[in-house]
Amino acid sequence: MRVTFPGPVALSDAQALEDGGRTAVFRFDGAALNDRPQVLRAVAVLRP
C-alpha cells in the first residue's frame, strides 16, 4: 500500500519512503489481513 502526502513524511511505520519522502510504502501479504487488524501510521508535516 502506498500513501502519498502533500509534504514530507516526518513519522512512519512504513518499510520505505519514496518520492522525496512524500510517499510511505507499507508492505504485507493478504494473509496478514485475515487474522488481525492492521494499523498503518504515517504523519506528514506541512510548513507554510
Protein backbone atom coordinates (compact mmCIF):
# COMPACT_ATOMS: atom_id res chain seq x y z
CA MET A 1 0.00 0.00 0.00
CA ARG A 2 1.34 3.44 -0.90
CA VAL A 3 0.11 6.68 0.65
CA THR A 4 1.30 9.96 -0.86
CA PHE A 5 1.17 13.16 1.20
CA PRO A 6 1.45 16.79 0.05
CA GLY A 7 4.55 17.23 2.23
CA PRO A 8 7.40 15.11 3.58
CA VAL A 9 6.63 12.26 5.98
CA ALA A 10 8.01 13.05 9.43
CA LEU A 11 6.98 9.86 11.27
CA SER A 12 6.03 6.49 9.81
CA ASP A 13 5.79 2.76 10.43
CA ALA A 14 6.29 2.24 6.68
CA GLN A 15 9.00 -0.04 5.36
CA ALA A 16 10.13 2.59 2.84
CA LEU A 17 9.72 6.22 1.86
CA GLU A 18 9.68 7.22 -1.81
CA ASP A 19 9.10 10.31 -3.92
CA GLY A 20 11.43 12.53 -1.91
CA GLY A 21 9.96 11.29 1.38
CA ARG A 22 6.36 12.13 0.43
CA THR A 23 5.15 8.55 -0.18
CA ALA A 24 5.01 6.00 2.64
CA VAL A 25 5.16 2.39 1.39
CA PHE A 26 3.65 -0.36 3.57
CA ARG A 27 4.22 -4.00 2.58
CA PHE A 28 2.30 -7.00 3.89
CA ASP A 29 0.70 -10.07 2.37
CA GLY A 30 -3.03 -10.65 2.11
CA ALA A 31 -2.95 -13.27 4.89
CA ALA A 32 -1.96 -10.53 7.36
CA LEU A 33 -5.43 -9.04 6.91
CA ASN A 34 -7.23 -12.27 7.85
CA ASP A 35 -6.01 -12.81 11.39
CA ARG A 36 -5.77 -9.31 12.89
CA PRO A 37 -6.46 -5.66 12.13
CA GLN A 38 -3.61 -3.71 10.56
CA VAL A 39 -2.78 -0.24 11.85
CA LEU A 40 -0.73 1.85 9.43
CA ARG A 41 0.79 5.08 10.70
CA ALA A 42 2.34 7.95 8.78
CA VAL A 43 2.47 11.64 9.70
CA ALA A 44 3.41 14.40 7.29
CA VAL A 45 4.26 17.97 8.24
CA LEU A 46 3.38 20.92 6.03
CA ARG A 47 5.19 24.15 6.68
CA PRO A 48 3.93 27.44 5.25
